[in-house]
Amino acid sequence: MMHAHDGIGIPPPLRHDEPVPEEDIHREALLPARPRPNPRVHALGPNGIDARAAIVHDWFQGFHGSERVVDAMRAGLFAPASAPDVFTFHAARELLPRELAESIVRESRLAALPGLRQRGHDPGRWRMLVPAMPHYFRGLDLDGYEVVIASSHAFAVQVRPRSDAVFLCYCYTPIRWAWLPGEDRRSAALAPLLGWLRRLDLEASRRPDCYVAISQAVRERIQRSYGRDSIVVHPPVNVEEFDPGAEKEPGHFLWVNRLVGYKRPAAVAEAFRHLPYRLTMVGIGPLEGSLRASLPPNVSLHSWLPREQLTALYARASGYLHVGEEDFGISMVEALAAGTPVIGLARGGALDIVRDGVDGVLVDRADPERIRAAVKRLATQEWDRTALRARAEEFSRERFLERLAAVIEQIRP
């Protein structure tokens, strides 16, 4: 069967219930990417998509980036009479909005056992159940659903919808600890399982009708890992939360992130030493002690702040720094929404967001010298707040829903 929309065909994947011959798995990963057209963006109708739908998400350990994506899909993509059911392995429901928590119809009973289950911000030990996760998702009964979306950076893509269902994978990244073992500390603990995990992941990657990547960087990673192409639909950002018209504080810069190595907090702080500018850093993490011990006098560090205070900081800052390599980078879009130019790394998701000299400054390496030069350049250049806000609106919730709805309509039979 060839799915088509407006005369554009999408090459068919395997049937969802068709086994993958073992000898084809590694060969398939080396094939050229399957051509996937970019969808035309259609206005999302007032009633949304009318279809019995399921959203399958790896897990909910809080209400962060991927969880907010699922909530946007749930609340805005489908008609009210077709509100989707949500399936997952584990959910800390008390940390989720009530409507999202109530939409979860199934989670693993194994992950809910005492001593394993997450309780609030106490993480629990359910992550020790990685070997059980593929089997759990493959065993979910999704026969009643016409549209299935796997919201996946791990095992949600393992699901097996019925053969005539539309099956889309919204991919944050192929499994990091399987495909990028040098970049993920969990790989060492899972070393005996990595070959098995890669094989399962490759097999599962054959089944969706379409892959949707959160950025061009993830699209390229999907090509390298799975040998197939994908469509880029950036995650939704609540740009309306930010005020681009607030009075700026000249020479005041902002950094908001977790205090972990790849976010480069020490390099950012050191870059401000001897500069005539101020930097406010907001974050918590394992590097907090060492960072506080070496902060320059013009740099302050705060723990996580209430959302209202954080959005006010974005609005008043004259520049925002985010020089860690990310799959996307929602905080960069939030800064632009507040009319604040961004210093970003010229790799990963930042390349989808920041145009050098237009929306901010890109650095080729996140060391103090290059960051310092970028700060000086940004501080001495005029920036058009209206243009920055317009750039951020390209990543709005409304644009996300329009683009994802267009993809789903494109592959529906």
Protein backbone atom coordinates (compact mmCIF):
# COMPACT_ATOMS: atom_id res chain seq x y z
CA MET A 1 0.00 0.00 0.00
CA MET A 2 1.24 3.49 -0.86
CA HIS A 3 0.02 6.22 1.46
CA ALA A 4 -0.47 9.53 -0.28
CA HIS A 5 -1.51 13.07 0.45
CA ASP A 6 -1.88 15.82 -2.17
CA GLY A 7 -0.23 13.52 -4.68
CA ILE A 8 2.85 12.87 -2.52
CA GLY A 9 3.57 9.22 -1.73
CA ILE A 10 5.32 7.79 1.30
CA PRO A 11 7.09 4.46 0.75
CA PRO A 12 5.46 1.79 2.90
CA PRO A 13 7.22 0.23 5.90
CA LEU A 14 6.73 -3.33 6.99
CA ARG A 15 3.31 -4.34 8.23
CA HIS A 16 3.18 -3.80 11.97
CA ASP A 17 2.68 -7.50 12.65
CA GLU A 18 5.30 -8.72 10.14
CA PRO A 19 8.50 -10.17 11.64
CA VAL A 20 11.84 -8.77 10.50
CA PRO A 21 14.22 -11.42 9.17
CA GLU A 22 17.30 -11.41 11.39
CA GLU A 23 19.65 -11.31 8.41
CA ASP A 24 17.98 -8.09 7.17
CA ILE A 25 18.29 -6.07 10.37
CA HIS A 26 21.86 -4.81 10.09
CA ARG A 27 21.67 -4.57 6.29
CA GLU A 28 18.62 -2.30 6.61
CA ALA A 29 20.48 0.11 8.88
CA LEU A 30 23.00 0.69 6.08
CA LEU A 31 20.48 1.37 3.32
CA PRO A 32 20.03 4.94 2.01
CA ALA A 33 17.37 6.87 3.88
CA ARG A 34 13.87 6.31 2.51
CA PRO A 35 12.57 9.50 0.88
CA ARG A 36 10.04 11.31 3.03
CA PRO A 37 8.44 14.51 1.73
CA ASN A 38 8.14 17.59 3.90
CA PRO A 39 4.47 18.04 4.79
CA ARG A 40 2.56 21.09 3.66
CA VAL A 41 1.34 22.93 6.76
CA HIS A 42 -2.44 22.98 6.90
CA ALA A 43 -4.51 24.88 9.44
CA LEU A 44 -5.67 22.55 12.19
CA GLY A 45 -9.45 22.44 12.05
CA PRO A 46 -11.54 23.52 15.04
CA ASN A 47 -12.36 19.92 15.91
CA GLY A 48 -8.95 18.30 15.39
CA ILE A 49 -8.37 14.81 13.95
CA ASP A 50 -11.36 12.52 14.27
CA ALA A 51 -9.92 9.06 14.94
CA ARG A 52 -9.66 6.60 17.80
CA ALA A 53 -6.11 7.32 18.97
CA ALA A 54 -3.48 6.17 21.44
CA ILE A 55 -0.32 7.97 22.52
CA VAL A 56 2.39 5.70 23.90
CA HIS A 57 5.11 7.44 25.92
CA ASP A 58 8.18 5.83 27.50
CA TRP A 59 7.56 7.13 31.05
CA PHE A 60 6.48 10.21 33.00
CA GLN A 61 8.96 11.11 35.73
CA GLY A 62 7.86 14.76 35.90
CA PHE A 63 6.37 17.42 33.66
CA HIS A 64 9.32 18.40 31.51
CA GLY A 65 10.06 18.63 27.78
CA SER A 66 8.78 15.31 26.41
CA GLU A 67 5.90 15.17 28.89
CA ARG A 68 4.78 18.61 27.71
CA VAL A 69 4.91 17.34 24.11
CA VAL A 70 2.56 14.48 25.02
CA ASP A 71 0.21 16.90 26.77
CA ALA A 72 0.12 19.15 23.71
CA MET A 73 -0.71 16.14 21.50
CA ARG A 74 -3.37 14.97 23.93
CA ALA A 75 -5.07 18.33 24.35
CA GLY A 76 -4.78 19.84 20.88
CA LEU A 77 -4.33 17.26 18.15
CA PHE A 78 -7.59 15.29 18.20
CA ALA A 79 -11.29 16.10 18.17
CA PRO A 80 -12.92 16.26 21.65
CA ALA A 81 -14.91 13.11 20.90
CA SER A 82 -11.65 11.34 19.99
CA ALA A 83 -9.59 12.26 23.05
CA PRO A 84 -6.62 9.86 22.98
CA ASP A 85 -5.73 7.29 25.58
CA VAL A 86 -2.19 7.42 26.94
CA PHE A 87 -0.09 4.31 27.62
CA THR A 88 3.23 4.30 29.46
CA PHE A 89 5.57 2.14 31.52
CA HIS A 90 5.57 4.30 34.64
CA ALA A 91 3.94 7.60 35.63
CA ALA A 92 4.50 9.86 38.62
CA ARG A 93 0.91 11.06 38.27
CA GLU A 94 1.12 13.45 41.20
CA LEU A 95 3.64 15.56 39.22
CA LEU A 96 1.44 15.81 36.12
CA PRO A 97 -1.46 18.11 35.24
CA ARG A 98 -4.73 16.49 36.27
CA GLU A 99 -6.07 16.08 32.71
CA LEU A 100 -2.88 14.39 31.53
CA ALA A 101 -2.75 12.07 34.55
CA GLU A 102 -6.39 11.07 34.04
CA SER A 103 -5.76 10.24 30.36
CA ILE A 104 -3.22 7.53 31.28
CA VAL A 105 -5.09 4.24 30.94
CA ARG A 106 -2.26 1.76 31.40
CA GLU A 107 1.13 1.54 33.07
CA SER A 108 3.26 -1.40 34.15
CA ARG A 109 2.15 -3.11 37.35
CA LEU A 110 5.73 -4.25 37.84
CA ALA A 111 6.96 -0.63 37.97
CA ALA A 112 4.29 0.15 40.58
CA LEU A 113 5.60 -2.35 43.13
CA PRO A 114 6.66 -0.97 46.53
CA GLY A 115 10.32 0.00 46.52
CA LEU A 116 10.31 0.48 42.75
CA ARG A 117 7.65 3.11 42.18
CA GLN A 118 8.55 6.80 42.07
CA ARG A 119 6.91 8.83 44.82
CA GLY A 120 6.86 12.52 43.98
CA HIS A 121 10.43 13.69 43.45
CA ASP A 122 11.83 10.54 45.09
CA PRO A 123 12.91 8.73 41.89
CA GLY A 124 12.35 5.16 43.06
CA ARG A 125 14.06 2.23 41.34
CA TRP A 126 11.78 1.48 38.41
CA ARG A 127 14.61 2.33 35.96
CA MET A 128 16.23 -0.96 37.00
CA LEU A 129 13.50 -2.66 34.95
CA VAL A 130 15.01 -1.73 31.56
CA PRO A 131 15.20 -5.40 30.44
CA ALA A 132 11.44 -5.72 30.98
CA MET A 133 10.43 -2.57 29.12
CA PRO A 134 10.54 -3.80 25.48
CA HIS A 135 8.37 -6.81 26.36
CA TYR A 136 5.88 -4.60 28.19
CA PHE A 137 5.37 -2.24 25.25
CA ARG A 138 5.20 -5.03 22.69
CA GLY A 139 2.46 -6.66 24.74
CA LEU A 140 0.13 -3.65 24.88
CA ASP A 141 -3.25 -4.28 23.29
CA LEU A 142 -3.78 -1.46 20.79
CA ASP A 143 -6.20 -3.22 18.45
CA GLY A 144 -8.92 -0.68 19.18
CA TYR A 145 -6.96 2.30 17.86
CA GLU A 146 -6.88 3.74 14.33
CA VAL A 147 -3.96 6.10 15.04
CA VAL A 148 -1.03 5.26 17.31
CA ILE A 149 1.72 7.75 18.16
CA ALA A 150 4.85 6.45 19.88
CA SER A 151 6.42 9.36 21.77
CA SER A 152 9.79 7.74 22.17
CA HIS A 153 13.40 8.13 23.20
CA ALA A 154 13.57 4.54 24.45
CA PHE A 155 11.03 1.73 24.15
CA ALA A 156 7.61 3.21 23.30
CA VAL A 157 8.36 2.50 19.63
CA GLN A 158 8.29 -1.23 20.47
CA VAL A 159 4.46 -1.24 20.40
CA ARG A 160 2.62 -3.37 17.85
CA PRO A 161 -0.49 -1.59 16.52
CA ARG A 162 -2.91 -3.43 14.28
CA SER A 163 -1.76 -3.72 10.68
CA ASP A 164 -4.16 -1.11 9.22
CA ALA A 165 -3.53 1.55 11.89
CA VAL A 166 -1.59 4.73 11.20
CA PHE A 167 1.60 4.34 13.23
CA LEU A 168 3.85 7.37 13.75
CA CYS A 169 6.95 7.64 15.92
CA TYR A 170 7.69 11.08 17.36
CA CYS A 171 11.36 10.52 18.14
CA TYR A 172 13.36 12.60 20.63
CA THR A 173 16.44 10.49 19.85
CA PRO A 174 17.29 6.86 19.13
CA ILE A 175 18.12 5.20 22.46
CA ARG A 176 21.15 7.11 23.69
CA TRP A 177 22.72 4.41 25.81
CA ALA A 178 22.48 1.96 22.90
CA TRP A 179 23.63 4.16 20.01
CA LEU A 180 25.78 6.81 21.75
CA PRO A 181 27.50 4.79 24.49
CA GLY A 182 30.38 7.25 24.79
CA GLU A 183 27.96 10.07 25.60
CA ASP A 184 25.70 8.34 28.13
CA ARG A 185 26.90 7.13 31.53
CA ARG A 186 24.15 4.48 31.64
CA SER A 187 25.84 2.57 28.84
CA ALA A 188 28.46 1.05 31.17
CA ALA A 189 25.81 -0.43 33.48
CA LEU A 190 23.91 -1.81 30.48
CA ALA A 191 26.98 -3.02 28.56
CA PRO A 192 25.95 -6.72 28.58
CA LEU A 193 22.58 -5.73 27.03
CA LEU A 194 23.69 -3.22 24.41
CA GLY A 195 23.81 -5.65 21.48
CA TRP A 196 20.37 -6.98 22.36
CA LEU A 197 18.95 -3.47 22.80
CA ARG A 198 20.32 -2.32 19.44
CA ARG A 199 18.82 -5.32 17.69
CA LEU A 200 15.41 -4.77 19.26
CA ASP A 201 15.56 -1.07 18.45
CA LEU A 202 16.54 -1.68 14.84
CA GLU A 203 13.71 -4.17 14.44
CA ALA A 204 11.20 -1.75 15.96
CA SER A 205 12.41 1.09 13.72
CA ARG A 206 11.11 -0.81 10.67
CA ARG A 207 7.48 -0.66 11.79
CA PRO A 208 6.25 2.96 12.00
CA ASP A 209 4.68 4.40 8.85
CA CYS A 210 6.66 7.56 9.49
CA TYR A 211 9.35 8.87 11.82
CA VAL A 212 9.10 12.46 13.02
CA ALA A 213 12.29 13.95 14.52
CA ILE A 214 12.44 16.84 16.98
CA SER A 215 15.35 18.51 15.14
CA GLN A 216 17.63 18.18 12.16
CA ALA A 217 20.31 16.75 14.47
CA VAL A 218 17.96 13.95 15.55
CA ARG A 219 16.89 13.40 11.94
CA GLU A 220 20.54 12.77 11.03
CA ARG A 221 20.92 10.45 14.04
CA ILE A 222 17.85 8.46 12.92
CA GLN A 223 19.43 8.09 9.48
CA ARG A 224 22.71 6.86 10.95
CA SER A 225 21.07 4.46 13.40
CA TYR A 226 18.11 3.12 11.43
CA GLY A 227 18.85 3.85 7.77
CA ARG A 228 15.59 5.70 7.23
CA ASP A 229 14.60 9.32 6.82
CA SER A 230 12.23 11.36 8.97
CA ILE A 231 10.27 14.60 8.95
CA VAL A 232 11.30 17.35 11.37
CA VAL A 233 8.54 18.77 13.57
CA HIS A 234 10.01 20.81 16.40
CA PRO A 235 8.59 20.41 19.93
CA PRO A 236 6.00 22.94 21.11
CA VAL A 237 7.06 25.94 23.18
CA ASN A 238 4.64 28.10 25.16
CA VAL A 239 5.88 31.38 23.70
CA GLU A 240 2.87 33.33 25.01
CA GLU A 241 4.28 32.94 28.51
CA PHE A 242 7.07 35.43 27.76
CA ASP A 243 7.03 39.21 27.40
CA PRO A 244 9.27 40.62 24.65
CA GLY A 245 8.39 44.19 25.60
CA ALA A 246 9.79 44.28 29.13
CA GLU A 247 12.60 46.71 29.93
CA LYS A 248 16.00 45.10 29.47
CA GLU A 249 18.90 45.38 31.91
CA PRO A 250 21.94 46.27 29.78
CA GLY A 251 24.88 43.96 30.35
CA HIS A 252 22.80 41.38 32.28
CA PHE A 253 23.05 37.83 30.91
CA LEU A 254 21.15 34.68 31.89
CA TRP A 255 21.99 30.94 31.96
CA VAL A 256 19.32 28.41 33.02
CA ASN A 257 20.11 24.70 33.07
CA ARG A 258 21.05 21.67 35.11
CA LEU A 259 24.50 21.82 36.69
CA VAL A 260 26.00 18.89 34.80
CA GLY A 261 29.15 18.70 32.72
CA TYR A 262 27.81 18.74 29.17
CA LYS A 263 25.82 21.92 29.89
CA ARG A 264 29.22 23.64 30.41
CA PRO A 265 28.34 25.74 33.51
CA ALA A 266 31.98 26.14 34.62
CA ALA A 267 33.08 27.37 31.18
CA VAL A 268 30.20 29.84 31.04
CA ALA A 269 30.96 31.24 34.51
CA GLU A 270 34.68 31.52 33.79
CA ALA A 271 33.98 33.36 30.54
CA PHE A 272 32.53 36.26 32.56
CA ARG A 273 35.60 36.70 34.74
CA HIS A 274 36.92 40.26 34.24
CA LEU A 275 34.06 41.15 31.87
CA PRO A 276 32.07 44.34 32.59
CA TYR A 277 28.81 42.36 32.50
CA ARG A 278 26.72 40.38 34.99
CA LEU A 279 25.64 36.77 34.68
CA THR A 280 22.76 35.15 36.56
CA MET A 281 22.89 31.35 36.59
CA VAL A 282 19.87 29.27 37.64
CA GLY A 283 20.12 25.54 38.23
CA ILE A 284 20.80 22.61 40.50
CA GLY A 285 22.90 19.51 40.01
CA PRO A 286 26.02 17.62 41.04
CA LEU A 287 28.40 20.43 40.04
CA GLU A 288 26.82 23.01 42.34
CA GLY A 289 29.48 22.82 45.08
CA SER A 290 32.50 23.12 42.82
CA LEU A 291 30.86 25.85 40.76
CA ARG A 292 30.00 28.00 43.79
CA ALA A 293 33.57 27.69 45.03
CA SER A 294 34.97 29.23 41.85
CA LEU A 295 32.36 31.81 40.78
CA PRO A 296 33.71 35.18 39.60
CA PRO A 297 32.33 38.14 41.56
CA ASN A 298 30.06 39.24 38.70
CA VAL A 299 28.32 35.85 38.51
CA SER A 300 25.48 34.73 40.82
CA LEU A 301 24.02 31.24 41.12
CA HIS A 302 20.45 30.47 42.20
CA SER A 303 18.59 27.20 42.65
CA TRP A 304 15.47 26.55 40.58
CA LEU A 305 13.04 29.47 40.87
CA PRO A 306 9.25 29.69 40.61
CA ARG A 307 8.16 29.93 36.99
CA GLU A 308 7.00 33.53 37.37
CA GLN A 309 10.43 34.66 38.58
CA LEU A 310 12.16 32.72 35.84
CA THR A 311 10.08 34.24 33.04
CA ALA A 312 10.81 37.69 34.50
CA LEU A 313 14.55 36.95 34.34
CA TYR A 314 14.22 35.94 30.69
CA ALA A 315 12.36 39.17 29.97
CA ARG A 316 14.94 41.45 31.65
CA ALA A 317 18.09 39.73 30.38
CA SER A 318 19.95 41.32 27.50
CA GLY A 319 21.43 37.96 26.46
CA TYR A 320 20.93 34.24 27.09
CA LEU A 321 23.60 31.51 27.01
CA HIS A 322 23.09 27.84 26.20
CA VAL A 323 26.31 26.24 24.97
CA GLY A 324 25.67 22.56 25.72
CA GLU A 325 24.94 20.31 22.74
CA GLU A 326 21.23 19.47 22.80
CA ASP A 327 18.83 17.44 20.72
CA PHE A 328 16.65 20.57 20.53
CA GLY A 329 16.84 23.25 23.26
CA ILE A 330 13.49 24.65 24.41
CA SER A 331 15.09 27.27 26.69
CA MET A 332 16.69 28.95 23.67
CA VAL A 333 13.25 29.41 22.11
CA GLU A 334 11.93 30.73 25.43
CA ALA A 335 14.67 33.37 25.46
CA LEU A 336 13.85 34.45 21.91
CA ALA A 337 10.17 34.65 22.90
CA ALA A 338 11.21 37.16 25.57
CA GLY A 339 13.06 39.22 22.95
CA THR A 340 16.44 38.05 24.24
CA PRO A 341 19.20 37.04 21.78
CA VAL A 342 20.95 33.71 22.36
CA ILE A 343 24.55 32.51 22.47
CA GLY A 344 24.46 28.87 21.41
CA LEU A 345 26.72 26.06 20.25
CA ALA A 346 27.00 25.57 16.49
CA ARG A 347 25.98 21.92 16.80
CA GLY A 348 22.86 19.96 17.62
CA GLY A 349 19.45 21.54 18.08
CA ALA A 350 20.76 25.10 18.34
CA LEU A 351 21.32 25.10 14.57
CA ASP A 352 17.55 24.77 14.08
CA ILE A 353 16.85 27.73 16.36
CA VAL A 354 19.64 30.32 16.26
CA ARG A 355 20.85 31.98 13.07
CA ASP A 356 24.23 33.56 13.70
CA GLY A 357 23.97 37.35 13.64
CA VAL A 358 20.17 37.25 13.35
CA ASP A 359 18.87 35.54 16.49
CA GLY A 360 22.14 35.57 18.43
CA VAL A 361 25.69 34.29 18.21
CA LEU A 362 26.94 30.75 17.58
CA VAL A 363 30.25 29.42 18.89
CA ASP A 364 32.10 26.46 17.41
CA ARG A 365 33.45 25.32 20.77
CA ALA A 366 32.20 25.90 24.32
CA ASP A 367 35.42 27.08 25.96
CA PRO A 368 35.73 30.29 28.04
CA GLU A 369 37.64 32.22 25.36
CA ARG A 370 35.06 31.64 22.62
CA ILE A 371 32.14 32.22 24.97
CA ARG A 372 33.75 35.48 26.18
CA ALA A 373 34.17 36.70 22.59
CA ALA A 374 30.54 35.82 21.84
CA VAL A 375 29.34 37.75 24.92
CA LYS A 376 31.26 40.84 23.80
CA ARG A 377 29.85 40.56 20.29
CA LEU A 378 26.28 40.10 21.48
CA ALA A 379 26.54 42.96 23.98
CA THR A 380 27.73 45.44 21.35
CA GLN A 381 25.21 44.55 18.62
CA GLU A 382 21.66 45.87 18.23
CA TRP A 383 18.95 43.21 18.27
CA ASP A 384 15.40 43.48 16.91
CA ARG A 385 13.08 42.19 19.64
CA THR A 386 10.15 41.91 17.26
CA ALA A 387 12.20 39.72 14.92
CA LEU A 388 13.42 37.57 17.83
CA ARG A 389 9.83 37.03 19.00
CA ALA A 390 8.75 36.19 15.46
CA ARG A 391 11.50 33.58 15.27
CA ALA A 392 10.28 32.02 18.54
CA GLU A 393 6.72 31.84 17.24
CA GLU A 394 7.89 29.44 14.54
CA PHE A 395 8.18 26.92 17.41
CA SER A 396 4.83 27.67 19.05
CA ARG A 397 2.32 25.09 20.22
CA GLU A 398 0.00 26.05 17.37
CA ARG A 399 2.67 25.50 14.73
CA PHE A 400 3.58 22.14 16.30
CA LEU A 401 -0.03 20.95 16.15
CA GLU A 402 -0.49 22.15 12.57
CA ARG A 403 2.64 20.39 11.37
CA LEU A 404 2.03 17.13 13.22
CA ALA A 405 -1.62 17.01 12.09
CA ALA A 406 -0.45 17.49 8.50
CA VAL A 407 1.93 14.54 8.82
CA ILE A 408 -0.78 12.28 10.26
CA GLU A 409 -3.25 13.26 7.54
CA GLN A 410 -0.52 12.65 4.95
CA ILE A 411 -0.05 9.02 5.95
CA ARG A 412 -3.67 8.10 6.69
CA PRO A 413 -4.99 5.62 4.12
